[in-house]
Every structure is written in C-alpha cells, then in structure tokens.
C-alpha cells in the first residue's frame, strides 16, 4: 500500500496550483488517489515530528514524511520504504541509523 502524509498532500497541491492552476492541482491529487495512494493522518505524529524537526532541522514536510514512514514501519514487518528524490533534504536521515533503512532514492539527479 502507498501512503502520503496529509501535510505532503497539501504541499504537493499548493506547488501544483502555484505552477499551473487549482484545477490541475486537484486533478493531480485525484490521480494519486486513483493510483492507490492513501492519505495518512498525521494528527498523532506531531510530537515525533517536532522532536525530529528540533534535532535534525529539515523542512516540516520532510519531517512528517519520515514520521509517517517510522510509524508505519513500527506497525509492519519492516517493509516500509520512503521514496525520496535526489535533493539533499533527506541526507541527514540517511546518515542516521534510526532512519537510513527506511529511505530509498527514486532518482539520482536533482531538478
């Protein structure tokens, strides 16, 4: 199953709306849902996200993505993978034993 935190959905929507239109942004979100991406409610993760933000200082959306992956991983058999791009936003997590096993890059070059 594929998940995205509600804050990352909001971030994707706002970027698409700014670069194209509100209608196109809605279409992109609907396409993700149609592909089986499920929204992961982050309300209970705010404490973990705040702790990670304080310790590692990444963007808040990145913190929530890692918090969701960590939460899902604790409820599964260790089969959780957080797909991230090539930018350095997740380097700090890749360099930390606690999170490194969760992260996989889906591309090697930045935009």
Protein backbone atom coordinates (compact mmCIF):
# COMPACT_ATOMS: atom_id res chain seq x y z
CA UNK A 1 0.00 0.00 0.00
CA UNK A 2 1.21 3.54 -0.71
CA UNK A 3 0.76 6.42 1.73
CA UNK A 4 1.38 10.14 1.77
CA UNK A 5 1.02 12.33 4.84
CA UNK A 6 -1.74 14.91 4.72
CA UNK A 7 0.84 17.68 5.00
CA UNK A 8 2.74 16.31 1.98
CA UNK A 9 -0.53 16.14 0.02
CA UNK A 10 -1.10 19.79 0.93
CA UNK A 11 2.43 20.69 -0.11
CA UNK A 12 2.09 18.91 -3.47
CA UNK A 13 -1.29 20.55 -4.06
CA UNK A 14 -0.01 24.05 -3.29
CA UNK A 15 3.04 23.66 -5.56
CA UNK A 16 0.94 22.32 -8.45
CA UNK A 17 -1.65 25.08 -8.00
CA UNK A 18 1.05 27.77 -7.96
CA UNK A 19 2.80 26.40 -11.05
CA UNK A 20 -0.35 25.54 -13.05
CA UNK A 21 -3.87 26.03 -11.73
CA UNK A 22 -6.12 24.97 -8.88
CA UNK A 23 -7.97 22.62 -11.23
CA UNK A 24 -4.76 20.94 -12.36
CA UNK A 25 -3.62 20.59 -8.75
CA UNK A 26 -6.91 18.89 -7.87
CA UNK A 27 -6.51 16.59 -10.86
CA UNK A 28 -3.00 15.59 -9.72
CA UNK A 29 -4.23 14.76 -6.23
CA UNK A 30 -7.13 12.77 -7.66
CA UNK A 31 -4.69 10.92 -9.95
CA UNK A 32 -2.61 9.94 -6.91
CA UNK A 33 -5.72 8.69 -5.12
CA UNK A 34 -6.77 6.76 -8.24
CA UNK A 35 -3.32 5.11 -8.27
CA UNK A 36 -3.97 3.87 -4.74
CA UNK A 37 -2.09 6.46 -2.72
CA UNK A 38 -3.78 6.79 0.66
CA UNK A 39 -3.69 9.86 2.88
CA UNK A 40 -2.03 9.13 6.20
CA UNK A 41 -3.47 11.19 9.04
CA UNK A 42 -0.62 12.87 10.87
CA UNK A 43 -2.51 14.27 13.87
CA UNK A 44 -0.96 11.81 16.32
CA UNK A 45 2.57 12.26 14.93
CA UNK A 46 3.09 15.91 15.79
CA UNK A 47 5.26 15.16 18.85
CA UNK A 48 7.58 12.83 16.93
CA UNK A 49 7.73 15.31 14.05
CA UNK A 50 8.54 18.18 16.42
CA UNK A 51 11.33 16.15 18.03
CA UNK A 52 12.83 15.31 14.62
CA UNK A 53 12.50 18.94 13.50
CA UNK A 54 14.34 20.10 16.62
CA UNK A 55 17.10 17.51 16.29
CA UNK A 56 17.72 17.46 12.52
CA UNK A 57 16.23 20.79 11.26
CA UNK A 58 14.72 19.64 7.93
CA UNK A 59 11.63 21.12 6.32
CA UNK A 60 8.42 20.31 8.17
CA UNK A 61 7.02 18.29 5.24
CA UNK A 62 10.15 16.15 5.17
CA UNK A 63 9.90 15.57 8.92
CA UNK A 64 6.32 14.37 8.57
CA UNK A 65 7.24 12.06 5.69
CA UNK A 66 9.88 10.41 7.89
CA UNK A 67 7.49 10.33 10.87
CA UNK A 68 4.87 8.53 8.78
CA UNK A 69 7.42 6.02 7.47
CA UNK A 70 8.67 5.40 11.01
CA UNK A 71 5.12 4.96 12.32
CA UNK A 72 4.15 2.59 9.52
CA UNK A 73 7.37 0.65 9.98
CA UNK A 74 6.63 0.11 13.67
CA UNK A 75 3.29 -1.47 12.73
CA UNK A 76 4.65 -3.65 9.91
CA UNK A 77 7.28 -6.26 9.38
CA UNK A 78 9.90 -3.72 8.31
CA UNK A 79 8.72 -3.48 4.72
CA UNK A 80 8.26 0.29 4.69
CA UNK A 81 10.15 2.36 2.14
CA UNK A 82 10.09 6.15 1.95
CA UNK A 83 10.76 7.10 -1.67
CA UNK A 84 12.59 10.41 -1.96
CA UNK A 85 14.15 12.41 -4.74
CA UNK A 86 17.79 13.24 -5.34
CA UNK A 87 17.94 16.51 -3.43
CA UNK A 88 19.76 16.65 -0.11
CA UNK A 89 16.68 17.11 2.07
CA UNK A 90 16.86 13.57 3.39
CA UNK A 91 20.65 13.24 3.69
CA UNK A 92 20.54 13.77 7.46
CA UNK A 93 18.09 10.91 7.81
CA UNK A 94 20.08 8.62 5.52
CA UNK A 95 23.10 9.27 7.72
CA UNK A 96 21.19 8.22 10.87
CA UNK A 97 20.91 4.51 11.69
CA UNK A 98 17.42 5.03 13.11
CA UNK A 99 16.05 6.12 9.71
CA UNK A 100 18.51 5.04 7.00
CA UNK A 101 16.77 1.70 6.37
CA UNK A 102 13.52 3.50 5.53
CA UNK A 103 14.82 5.74 2.74
CA UNK A 104 15.26 4.87 -0.91
CA UNK A 105 16.09 7.31 -3.71
CA UNK A 106 13.98 7.05 -6.86
CA UNK A 107 16.30 9.31 -8.85
CA UNK A 108 19.93 10.30 -8.61
CA UNK A 109 19.93 13.77 -10.19
CA UNK A 110 18.27 16.93 -8.87
CA UNK A 111 15.98 19.08 -10.98
